[in-house]
Amino acid sequence: MQGQVDLFAQAMDLFHERNFVAAAPLFAQVAAGPAPDIAHTARTHLKMCERRLEQDGAAPKTPEDYYAVGVALINRGDYTGAAEQLGNALRGLPDADHFHYAFALCAGLQGDLSLSAQHLQRAIELQPSNRIAARNDTDWAVLARQSPIREILQPERGPSA
């Protein structure tokens, strides 16, 4: 939880500097953390960042920019657009765990559980705490009950019949 608090503080600093492109992905990570009150506040700030980015018409330039736009599109339900942006982010930084985490969610929400599982597994390999984050993330609730996502998130239970 301390990591979530520290990350939130970094995101707030960027938010106050009006660096919404950099703040948005940090808020998205905090929103997936274990403390529900901090996660809720982070989601609220993420939405504010997204609105500012839309108003400014900021075009993505860096992998983090593509990630921020991708997360914003997931939140709007534009999974096709989100997958494109997150794919661009992954091409720029293929070992960024939070890119894989977001792409996994997006793929799952599009119904591609196999692709979702591949990226979720990679996100967990890169950062083991992503398993706990996904277990506690309400965005993963429906997906977490389906195979093969369930087996990745609950490996101690093993495959179900």
N, C-alpha and C. Protein backbone atom coordinates (compact mmCIF):
# COMPACT_ATOMS: atom_id res chain seq x y z
N MET A 1 0.82 -1.19 0.00
CA MET A 1 0.00 0.00 0.00
C MET A 1 0.87 1.26 0.00
N GLN A 2 2.05 1.19 0.61
CA GLN A 2 2.92 2.36 0.63
C GLN A 2 3.33 2.75 -0.79
N GLY A 3 3.54 1.74 -1.64
CA GLY A 3 3.87 2.02 -3.04
C GLY A 3 2.74 2.76 -3.73
N GLN A 4 1.51 2.38 -3.42
CA GLN A 4 0.35 3.04 -4.00
C GLN A 4 0.30 4.51 -3.54
N VAL A 5 0.59 4.75 -2.27
CA VAL A 5 0.58 6.11 -1.73
C VAL A 5 1.68 6.95 -2.39
N ASP A 6 2.87 6.38 -2.52
CA ASP A 6 3.98 7.11 -3.13
C ASP A 6 3.69 7.43 -4.59
N LEU A 7 3.15 6.48 -5.30
CA LEU A 7 2.81 6.68 -6.70
C LEU A 7 1.72 7.75 -6.84
N PHE A 8 0.77 7.74 -5.93
CA PHE A 8 -0.28 8.76 -5.95
C PHE A 8 0.32 10.15 -5.73
N ALA A 9 1.27 10.25 -4.82
CA ALA A 9 1.93 11.54 -4.57
C ALA A 9 2.66 12.04 -5.81
N GLN A 10 3.34 11.13 -6.50
CA GLN A 10 4.03 11.51 -7.74
C GLN A 10 3.02 11.99 -8.79
N ALA A 11 1.92 11.26 -8.91
CA ALA A 11 0.89 11.64 -9.88
C ALA A 11 0.30 13.00 -9.55
N MET A 12 0.07 13.25 -8.27
CA MET A 12 -0.49 14.55 -7.87
C MET A 12 0.48 15.69 -8.17
N ASP A 13 1.77 15.45 -7.96
CA ASP A 13 2.76 16.48 -8.29
C ASP A 13 2.69 16.83 -9.77
N LEU A 14 2.62 15.79 -10.62
CA LEU A 14 2.53 16.01 -12.06
C LEU A 14 1.21 16.70 -12.43
N PHE A 15 0.15 16.31 -11.76
CA PHE A 15 -1.16 16.91 -11.99
C PHE A 15 -1.13 18.40 -11.68
N HIS A 16 -0.52 18.76 -10.56
CA HIS A 16 -0.44 20.17 -10.17
C HIS A 16 0.47 20.96 -11.10
N GLU A 17 1.42 20.27 -11.72
CA GLU A 17 2.28 20.91 -12.72
C GLU A 17 1.59 20.99 -14.08
N ARG A 18 0.36 20.47 -14.15
CA ARG A 18 -0.45 20.42 -15.37
C ARG A 18 0.16 19.52 -16.43
N ASN A 19 0.94 18.53 -15.98
CA ASN A 19 1.52 17.53 -16.88
C ASN A 19 0.58 16.33 -16.87
N PHE A 20 -0.55 16.48 -17.56
CA PHE A 20 -1.60 15.47 -17.53
C PHE A 20 -1.21 14.20 -18.28
N VAL A 21 -0.39 14.35 -19.30
CA VAL A 21 0.07 13.19 -20.06
C VAL A 21 0.87 12.25 -19.16
N ALA A 22 1.74 12.81 -18.33
CA ALA A 22 2.55 11.98 -17.42
C ALA A 22 1.76 11.53 -16.20
N ALA A 23 0.83 12.35 -15.74
CA ALA A 23 0.07 12.02 -14.53
C ALA A 23 -0.94 10.91 -14.78
N ALA A 24 -1.57 10.90 -15.95
CA ALA A 24 -2.64 9.94 -16.23
C ALA A 24 -2.23 8.49 -16.04
N PRO A 25 -1.10 8.04 -16.61
CA PRO A 25 -0.75 6.62 -16.41
C PRO A 25 -0.44 6.28 -14.95
N LEU A 26 0.09 7.24 -14.21
CA LEU A 26 0.36 6.98 -12.79
C LEU A 26 -0.96 6.83 -12.03
N PHE A 27 -1.92 7.71 -12.33
CA PHE A 27 -3.23 7.58 -11.68
C PHE A 27 -3.87 6.24 -12.03
N ALA A 28 -3.68 5.78 -13.27
CA ALA A 28 -4.24 4.49 -13.68
C ALA A 28 -3.62 3.36 -12.87
N GLN A 29 -2.33 3.42 -12.62
CA GLN A 29 -1.67 2.39 -11.81
C GLN A 29 -2.18 2.44 -10.37
N VAL A 30 -2.31 3.64 -9.82
CA VAL A 30 -2.79 3.79 -8.45
C VAL A 30 -4.23 3.27 -8.34
N ALA A 31 -5.03 3.51 -9.37
CA ALA A 31 -6.42 3.07 -9.37
C ALA A 31 -6.54 1.55 -9.29
N ALA A 32 -5.51 0.85 -9.71
CA ALA A 32 -5.53 -0.62 -9.67
C ALA A 32 -4.95 -1.16 -8.37
N GLY A 33 -4.56 -0.28 -7.46
CA GLY A 33 -3.93 -0.71 -6.21
C GLY A 33 -4.91 -1.22 -5.17
N PRO A 34 -4.38 -1.71 -4.06
CA PRO A 34 -5.20 -2.38 -3.06
C PRO A 34 -6.05 -1.48 -2.15
N ALA A 35 -5.65 -0.21 -1.96
CA ALA A 35 -6.40 0.68 -1.06
C ALA A 35 -7.56 1.32 -1.82
N PRO A 36 -8.80 0.95 -1.50
CA PRO A 36 -9.94 1.42 -2.29
C PRO A 36 -10.15 2.93 -2.27
N ASP A 37 -9.87 3.59 -1.14
CA ASP A 37 -10.08 5.04 -1.08
C ASP A 37 -9.09 5.77 -1.98
N ILE A 38 -7.84 5.34 -1.99
CA ILE A 38 -6.84 5.96 -2.85
C ILE A 38 -7.15 5.63 -4.31
N ALA A 39 -7.56 4.41 -4.57
CA ALA A 39 -7.90 3.99 -5.92
C ALA A 39 -9.05 4.84 -6.47
N HIS A 40 -10.06 5.08 -5.65
CA HIS A 40 -11.20 5.90 -6.09
C HIS A 40 -10.75 7.32 -6.42
N THR A 41 -9.95 7.92 -5.56
CA THR A 41 -9.46 9.28 -5.80
C THR A 41 -8.60 9.32 -7.06
N ALA A 42 -7.80 8.28 -7.26
CA ALA A 42 -6.95 8.22 -8.45
C ALA A 42 -7.81 8.14 -9.71
N ARG A 43 -8.90 7.36 -9.68
CA ARG A 43 -9.78 7.26 -10.84
C ARG A 43 -10.42 8.62 -11.15
N THR A 44 -10.78 9.35 -10.11
CA THR A 44 -11.36 10.68 -10.31
C THR A 44 -10.35 11.60 -10.98
N HIS A 45 -9.11 11.58 -10.50
CA HIS A 45 -8.07 12.43 -11.10
C HIS A 45 -7.72 11.96 -12.51
N LEU A 46 -7.76 10.65 -12.74
CA LEU A 46 -7.50 10.14 -14.08
C LEU A 46 -8.54 10.70 -15.05
N LYS A 47 -9.79 10.72 -14.65
CA LYS A 47 -10.85 11.27 -15.51
C LYS A 47 -10.60 12.74 -15.79
N MET A 48 -10.13 13.49 -14.80
CA MET A 48 -9.83 14.90 -15.01
C MET A 48 -8.67 15.05 -16.01
N CYS A 49 -7.66 14.21 -15.88
CA CYS A 49 -6.55 14.24 -16.83
C CYS A 49 -7.04 13.95 -18.24
N GLU A 50 -7.88 12.94 -18.37
CA GLU A 50 -8.41 12.56 -19.68
C GLU A 50 -9.18 13.71 -20.31
N ARG A 51 -9.99 14.39 -19.53
CA ARG A 51 -10.75 15.53 -20.06
C ARG A 51 -9.81 16.64 -20.52
N ARG A 52 -8.78 16.90 -19.73
CA ARG A 52 -7.81 17.94 -20.11
C ARG A 52 -7.07 17.57 -21.38
N LEU A 53 -6.69 16.31 -21.50
CA LEU A 53 -5.98 15.86 -22.69
C LEU A 53 -6.88 15.96 -23.92
N GLU A 54 -8.15 15.65 -23.76
CA GLU A 54 -9.10 15.77 -24.88
C GLU A 54 -9.23 17.24 -25.29
N GLN A 55 -9.33 18.11 -24.31
CA GLN A 55 -9.48 19.54 -24.60
C GLN A 55 -8.23 20.09 -25.28
N ASP A 56 -7.08 19.64 -24.82
CA ASP A 56 -5.82 20.14 -25.39
C ASP A 56 -5.51 19.51 -26.74
N GLY A 57 -6.13 18.38 -27.03
CA GLY A 57 -5.87 17.69 -28.28
C GLY A 57 -4.42 17.22 -28.38
N ALA A 58 -3.85 16.86 -27.26
CA ALA A 58 -2.45 16.44 -27.23
C ALA A 58 -2.28 15.13 -27.98
N ALA A 59 -1.43 15.14 -28.98
CA ALA A 59 -1.13 13.92 -29.74
C ALA A 59 -0.03 13.15 -29.01
N PRO A 60 -0.17 11.83 -28.89
CA PRO A 60 0.84 11.05 -28.20
C PRO A 60 2.18 11.12 -28.94
N LYS A 61 3.25 11.23 -28.14
CA LYS A 61 4.60 11.28 -28.71
C LYS A 61 5.50 10.19 -28.14
N THR A 62 5.27 9.83 -26.89
CA THR A 62 6.12 8.85 -26.21
C THR A 62 5.29 7.61 -25.89
N PRO A 63 5.95 6.50 -25.55
CA PRO A 63 5.18 5.32 -25.13
C PRO A 63 4.23 5.61 -23.97
N GLU A 64 4.66 6.41 -23.02
CA GLU A 64 3.78 6.76 -21.88
C GLU A 64 2.57 7.56 -22.36
N ASP A 65 2.78 8.42 -23.37
CA ASP A 65 1.65 9.17 -23.93
C ASP A 65 0.64 8.22 -24.56
N TYR A 66 1.15 7.26 -25.35
CA TYR A 66 0.26 6.28 -25.98
C TYR A 66 -0.49 5.49 -24.92
N TYR A 67 0.21 5.13 -23.86
CA TYR A 67 -0.41 4.39 -22.76
C TYR A 67 -1.54 5.22 -22.13
N ALA A 68 -1.27 6.50 -21.86
CA ALA A 68 -2.27 7.37 -21.24
C ALA A 68 -3.51 7.47 -22.12
N VAL A 69 -3.30 7.63 -23.42
CA VAL A 69 -4.43 7.70 -24.34
C VAL A 69 -5.17 6.36 -24.37
N GLY A 70 -4.42 5.27 -24.37
CA GLY A 70 -5.03 3.94 -24.37
C GLY A 70 -5.90 3.72 -23.16
N VAL A 71 -5.42 4.09 -21.99
CA VAL A 71 -6.20 3.94 -20.76
C VAL A 71 -7.46 4.81 -20.82
N ALA A 72 -7.31 6.02 -21.34
CA ALA A 72 -8.47 6.91 -21.48
C ALA A 72 -9.52 6.27 -22.39
N LEU A 73 -9.06 5.64 -23.47
CA LEU A 73 -10.00 5.00 -24.40
C LEU A 73 -10.66 3.77 -23.79
N ILE A 74 -9.92 3.01 -22.97
CA ILE A 74 -10.54 1.89 -22.26
C ILE A 74 -11.67 2.42 -21.37
N ASN A 75 -11.39 3.49 -20.66
CA ASN A 75 -12.38 4.05 -19.75
C ASN A 75 -13.62 4.55 -20.49
N ARG A 76 -13.47 4.90 -21.76
CA ARG A 76 -14.61 5.35 -22.56
C ARG A 76 -15.30 4.19 -23.27
N GLY A 77 -14.70 3.01 -23.20
CA GLY A 77 -15.28 1.85 -23.86
C GLY A 77 -14.85 1.68 -25.31
N ASP A 78 -13.87 2.45 -25.76
CA ASP A 78 -13.35 2.33 -27.12
C ASP A 78 -12.17 1.36 -27.09
N TYR A 79 -12.48 0.07 -27.05
CA TYR A 79 -11.44 -0.94 -26.89
C TYR A 79 -10.58 -1.11 -28.14
N THR A 80 -11.15 -0.90 -29.30
CA THR A 80 -10.37 -1.00 -30.53
C THR A 80 -9.32 0.11 -30.57
N GLY A 81 -9.75 1.33 -30.29
CA GLY A 81 -8.80 2.45 -30.25
C GLY A 81 -7.77 2.28 -29.16
N ALA A 82 -8.22 1.77 -28.02
CA ALA A 82 -7.31 1.55 -26.89
C ALA A 82 -6.25 0.52 -27.25
N ALA A 83 -6.66 -0.57 -27.90
CA ALA A 83 -5.71 -1.61 -28.28
C ALA A 83 -4.65 -1.05 -29.22
N GLU A 84 -5.06 -0.19 -30.13
CA GLU A 84 -4.11 0.42 -31.07
C GLU A 84 -3.10 1.29 -30.31
N GLN A 85 -3.59 2.12 -29.41
CA GLN A 85 -2.69 3.01 -28.66
C GLN A 85 -1.77 2.22 -27.74
N LEU A 86 -2.31 1.22 -27.07
CA LEU A 86 -1.50 0.41 -26.17
C LEU A 86 -0.49 -0.43 -26.95
N GLY A 87 -0.85 -0.86 -28.14
CA GLY A 87 0.10 -1.56 -29.00
C GLY A 87 1.27 -0.65 -29.36
N ASN A 88 0.97 0.62 -29.65
CA ASN A 88 2.03 1.60 -29.93
C ASN A 88 2.92 1.78 -28.71
N ALA A 89 2.32 1.83 -27.54
CA ALA A 89 3.09 1.97 -26.30
C ALA A 89 4.02 0.77 -26.12
N LEU A 90 3.49 -0.42 -26.33
CA LEU A 90 4.29 -1.65 -26.17
C LEU A 90 5.42 -1.74 -27.19
N ARG A 91 5.18 -1.23 -28.39
CA ARG A 91 6.27 -1.23 -29.38
C ARG A 91 7.41 -0.33 -28.92
N GLY A 92 7.07 0.74 -28.22
CA GLY A 92 8.09 1.66 -27.72
C GLY A 92 8.80 1.16 -26.48
N LEU A 93 8.08 0.50 -25.60
CA LEU A 93 8.64 -0.02 -24.34
C LEU A 93 8.05 -1.41 -24.09
N PRO A 94 8.62 -2.43 -24.71
CA PRO A 94 8.02 -3.77 -24.62
C PRO A 94 8.10 -4.43 -23.25
N ASP A 95 8.89 -3.90 -22.35
CA ASP A 95 9.00 -4.50 -21.02
C ASP A 95 8.38 -3.64 -19.92
N ALA A 96 7.44 -2.79 -20.29
CA ALA A 96 6.73 -1.97 -19.29
C ALA A 96 5.54 -2.78 -18.78
N ASP A 97 5.61 -3.19 -17.54
CA ASP A 97 4.56 -4.06 -16.99
C ASP A 97 3.18 -3.43 -17.05
N HIS A 98 3.08 -2.14 -16.78
CA HIS A 98 1.76 -1.51 -16.78
C HIS A 98 1.17 -1.42 -18.18
N PHE A 99 2.00 -1.41 -19.22
CA PHE A 99 1.49 -1.45 -20.60
C PHE A 99 0.85 -2.82 -20.85
N HIS A 100 1.55 -3.88 -20.43
CA HIS A 100 1.01 -5.24 -20.62
C HIS A 100 -0.28 -5.41 -19.82
N TYR A 101 -0.30 -4.89 -18.61
CA TYR A 101 -1.49 -4.99 -17.74
C TYR A 101 -2.70 -4.35 -18.43
N ALA A 102 -2.52 -3.12 -18.93
CA ALA A 102 -3.62 -2.41 -19.59
C ALA A 102 -4.02 -3.11 -20.89
N PHE A 103 -3.03 -3.58 -21.65
CA PHE A 103 -3.33 -4.27 -22.90
C PHE A 103 -4.09 -5.57 -22.62
N ALA A 104 -3.69 -6.26 -21.55
CA ALA A 104 -4.39 -7.49 -21.17
C ALA A 104 -5.85 -7.21 -20.84
N LEU A 105 -6.08 -6.15 -20.09
CA LEU A 105 -7.46 -5.78 -19.75
C LEU A 105 -8.25 -5.46 -21.02
N CYS A 106 -7.65 -4.67 -21.88
CA CYS A 106 -8.31 -4.28 -23.13
C CYS A 106 -8.65 -5.50 -23.97
N ALA A 107 -7.69 -6.40 -24.15
CA ALA A 107 -7.93 -7.61 -24.94
C ALA A 107 -9.05 -8.45 -24.32
N GLY A 108 -9.05 -8.57 -23.01
CA GLY A 108 -10.11 -9.32 -22.33
C GLY A 108 -11.47 -8.69 -22.52
N LEU A 109 -11.52 -7.37 -22.44
CA LEU A 109 -12.79 -6.67 -22.62
C LEU A 109 -13.29 -6.78 -24.07
N GLN A 110 -12.36 -7.03 -24.99
CA GLN A 110 -12.74 -7.26 -26.39
C GLN A 110 -13.13 -8.72 -26.63
N GLY A 111 -12.95 -9.57 -25.61
CA GLY A 111 -13.33 -10.97 -25.74
C GLY A 111 -12.19 -11.91 -26.13
N ASP A 112 -10.98 -11.39 -26.27
CA ASP A 112 -9.84 -12.24 -26.63
C ASP A 112 -9.11 -12.66 -25.36
N LEU A 113 -9.63 -13.71 -24.73
CA LEU A 113 -9.07 -14.15 -23.44
C LEU A 113 -7.68 -14.73 -23.59
N SER A 114 -7.37 -15.33 -24.71
CA SER A 114 -6.04 -15.88 -24.93
C SER A 114 -5.00 -14.77 -24.97
N LEU A 115 -5.26 -13.73 -25.75
CA LEU A 115 -4.33 -12.59 -25.82
C LEU A 115 -4.27 -11.89 -24.47
N SER A 116 -5.40 -11.76 -23.82
CA SER A 116 -5.45 -11.15 -22.50
C SER A 116 -4.55 -11.92 -21.53
N ALA A 117 -4.67 -13.23 -21.53
CA ALA A 117 -3.87 -14.07 -20.63
C ALA A 117 -2.38 -13.93 -20.92
N GLN A 118 -2.00 -13.86 -22.19
CA GLN A 118 -0.59 -13.70 -22.54
C GLN A 118 -0.01 -12.42 -21.96
N HIS A 119 -0.75 -11.32 -22.12
CA HIS A 119 -0.24 -10.04 -21.64
C HIS A 119 -0.34 -9.93 -20.12
N LEU A 120 -1.36 -10.51 -19.53
CA LEU A 120 -1.45 -10.50 -18.07
C LEU A 120 -0.30 -11.30 -17.47
N GLN A 121 -0.02 -12.45 -18.05
CA GLN A 121 1.10 -13.27 -17.57
C GLN A 121 2.41 -12.49 -17.66
N ARG A 122 2.61 -11.77 -18.77
CA ARG A 122 3.84 -10.99 -18.95
C ARG A 122 3.88 -9.85 -17.93
N ALA A 123 2.76 -9.19 -17.68
CA ALA A 123 2.72 -8.11 -16.70
C ALA A 123 3.11 -8.62 -15.32
N ILE A 124 2.66 -9.84 -14.99
CA ILE A 124 2.97 -10.44 -13.68
C ILE A 124 4.43 -10.87 -13.62
N GLU A 125 4.96 -11.38 -14.73
CA GLU A 125 6.39 -11.74 -14.77
C GLU A 125 7.25 -10.51 -14.52
N LEU A 126 6.87 -9.39 -15.13
CA LEU A 126 7.65 -8.17 -14.99
C LEU A 126 7.46 -7.52 -13.62
N GLN A 127 6.25 -7.65 -13.06
CA GLN A 127 5.95 -7.05 -11.76
C GLN A 127 4.93 -7.96 -11.05
N PRO A 128 5.42 -8.84 -10.16
CA PRO A 128 4.52 -9.80 -9.51
C PRO A 128 3.31 -9.18 -8.79
N SER A 129 3.42 -7.95 -8.34
CA SER A 129 2.29 -7.32 -7.64
C SER A 129 1.10 -7.08 -8.58
N ASN A 130 1.31 -7.21 -9.88
CA ASN A 130 0.19 -7.06 -10.81
C ASN A 130 -0.87 -8.15 -10.61
N ARG A 131 -0.48 -9.31 -10.10
CA ARG A 131 -1.46 -10.37 -9.83
C ARG A 131 -2.45 -9.89 -8.77
N ILE A 132 -1.94 -9.31 -7.70
CA ILE A 132 -2.80 -8.80 -6.62
C ILE A 132 -3.61 -7.61 -7.12
N ALA A 133 -2.96 -6.75 -7.90
CA ALA A 133 -3.67 -5.59 -8.43
C ALA A 133 -4.88 -6.03 -9.26
N ALA A 134 -4.68 -7.01 -10.14
CA ALA A 134 -5.79 -7.47 -10.98
C ALA A 134 -6.87 -8.16 -10.15
N ARG A 135 -6.47 -8.89 -9.12
CA ARG A 135 -7.47 -9.54 -8.24
C ARG A 135 -8.37 -8.50 -7.58
N ASN A 136 -7.80 -7.32 -7.28
CA ASN A 136 -8.53 -6.29 -6.55
C ASN A 136 -9.13 -5.22 -7.45
N ASP A 137 -8.83 -5.27 -8.74
CA ASP A 137 -9.28 -4.25 -9.69
C ASP A 137 -10.67 -4.62 -10.19
N THR A 138 -11.64 -3.75 -9.95
CA THR A 138 -13.02 -4.04 -10.36
C THR A 138 -13.15 -4.21 -11.87
N ASP A 139 -12.25 -3.60 -12.63
CA ASP A 139 -12.29 -3.75 -14.09
C ASP A 139 -12.04 -5.20 -14.50
N TRP A 140 -11.34 -5.96 -13.66
CA TRP A 140 -11.01 -7.35 -13.96
C TRP A 140 -12.04 -8.34 -13.41
N ALA A 141 -13.04 -7.87 -12.68
CA ALA A 141 -13.95 -8.76 -11.96
C ALA A 141 -14.59 -9.84 -12.85
N VAL A 142 -15.14 -9.46 -13.97
CA VAL A 142 -15.80 -10.44 -14.85
C VAL A 142 -14.76 -11.35 -15.49
N LEU A 143 -13.66 -10.77 -15.95
CA LEU A 143 -12.62 -11.56 -16.61
C LEU A 143 -11.97 -12.55 -15.65
N ALA A 144 -11.85 -12.17 -14.39
CA ALA A 144 -11.15 -13.00 -13.41
C ALA A 144 -11.87 -14.32 -13.13
N ARG A 145 -13.12 -14.41 -13.52
CA ARG A 145 -13.88 -15.65 -13.31
C ARG A 145 -13.78 -16.60 -14.50
N GLN A 146 -13.12 -16.14 -15.55
CA GLN A 146 -13.07 -16.94 -16.78
C GLN A 146 -11.68 -17.55 -16.98
N SER A 147 -11.68 -18.76 -17.52
CA SER A 147 -10.43 -19.41 -17.88
C SER A 147 -9.94 -18.76 -19.16
N PRO A 148 -8.69 -18.49 -19.33
CA PRO A 148 -7.50 -18.82 -18.55
C PRO A 148 -7.09 -17.73 -17.55
N ILE A 149 -7.83 -16.64 -17.48
CA ILE A 149 -7.49 -15.54 -16.57
C ILE A 149 -7.56 -16.02 -15.13
N ARG A 150 -8.58 -16.78 -14.79
CA ARG A 150 -8.75 -17.29 -13.42
C ARG A 150 -7.51 -18.06 -12.98
N GLU A 151 -6.97 -18.91 -13.87
CA GLU A 151 -5.81 -19.72 -13.52
C GLU A 151 -4.56 -18.86 -13.30
N ILE A 152 -4.47 -17.75 -13.99
CA ILE A 152 -3.32 -16.85 -13.80
C ILE A 152 -3.46 -16.09 -12.49
N LEU A 153 -4.67 -15.63 -12.19
CA LEU A 153 -4.87 -14.83 -10.99
C LEU A 153 -4.97 -15.67 -9.72
N GLN A 154 -5.38 -16.92 -9.85
CA GLN A 154 -5.54 -17.80 -8.69
C GLN A 154 -4.78 -19.11 -8.93
N PRO A 155 -3.47 -19.06 -9.14
CA PRO A 155 -2.74 -20.28 -9.48
C PRO A 155 -2.78 -21.34 -8.37
N GLU A 156 -2.99 -20.91 -7.14
CA GLU A 156 -3.02 -21.85 -6.02
C GLU A 156 -4.26 -22.76 -6.08
N ARG A 157 -5.28 -22.35 -6.81
CA ARG A 157 -6.50 -23.15 -6.92
C ARG A 157 -6.40 -24.19 -8.03
N GLY A 158 -5.54 -23.95 -8.99
CA GLY A 158 -5.39 -24.88 -10.12
C GLY A 158 -6.56 -24.78 -11.07
N PRO A 159 -6.52 -25.50 -12.17
CA PRO A 159 -7.60 -25.45 -13.16
C PRO A 159 -8.89 -26.06 -12.61
N SER A 160 -10.00 -25.47 -13.02
CA SER A 160 -11.30 -25.99 -12.60
C SER A 160 -11.85 -26.90 -13.67
N ALA A 161 -12.76 -27.73 -13.27
CA ALA A 161 -13.38 -28.66 -14.22
C ALA A 161 -14.39 -27.95 -15.06
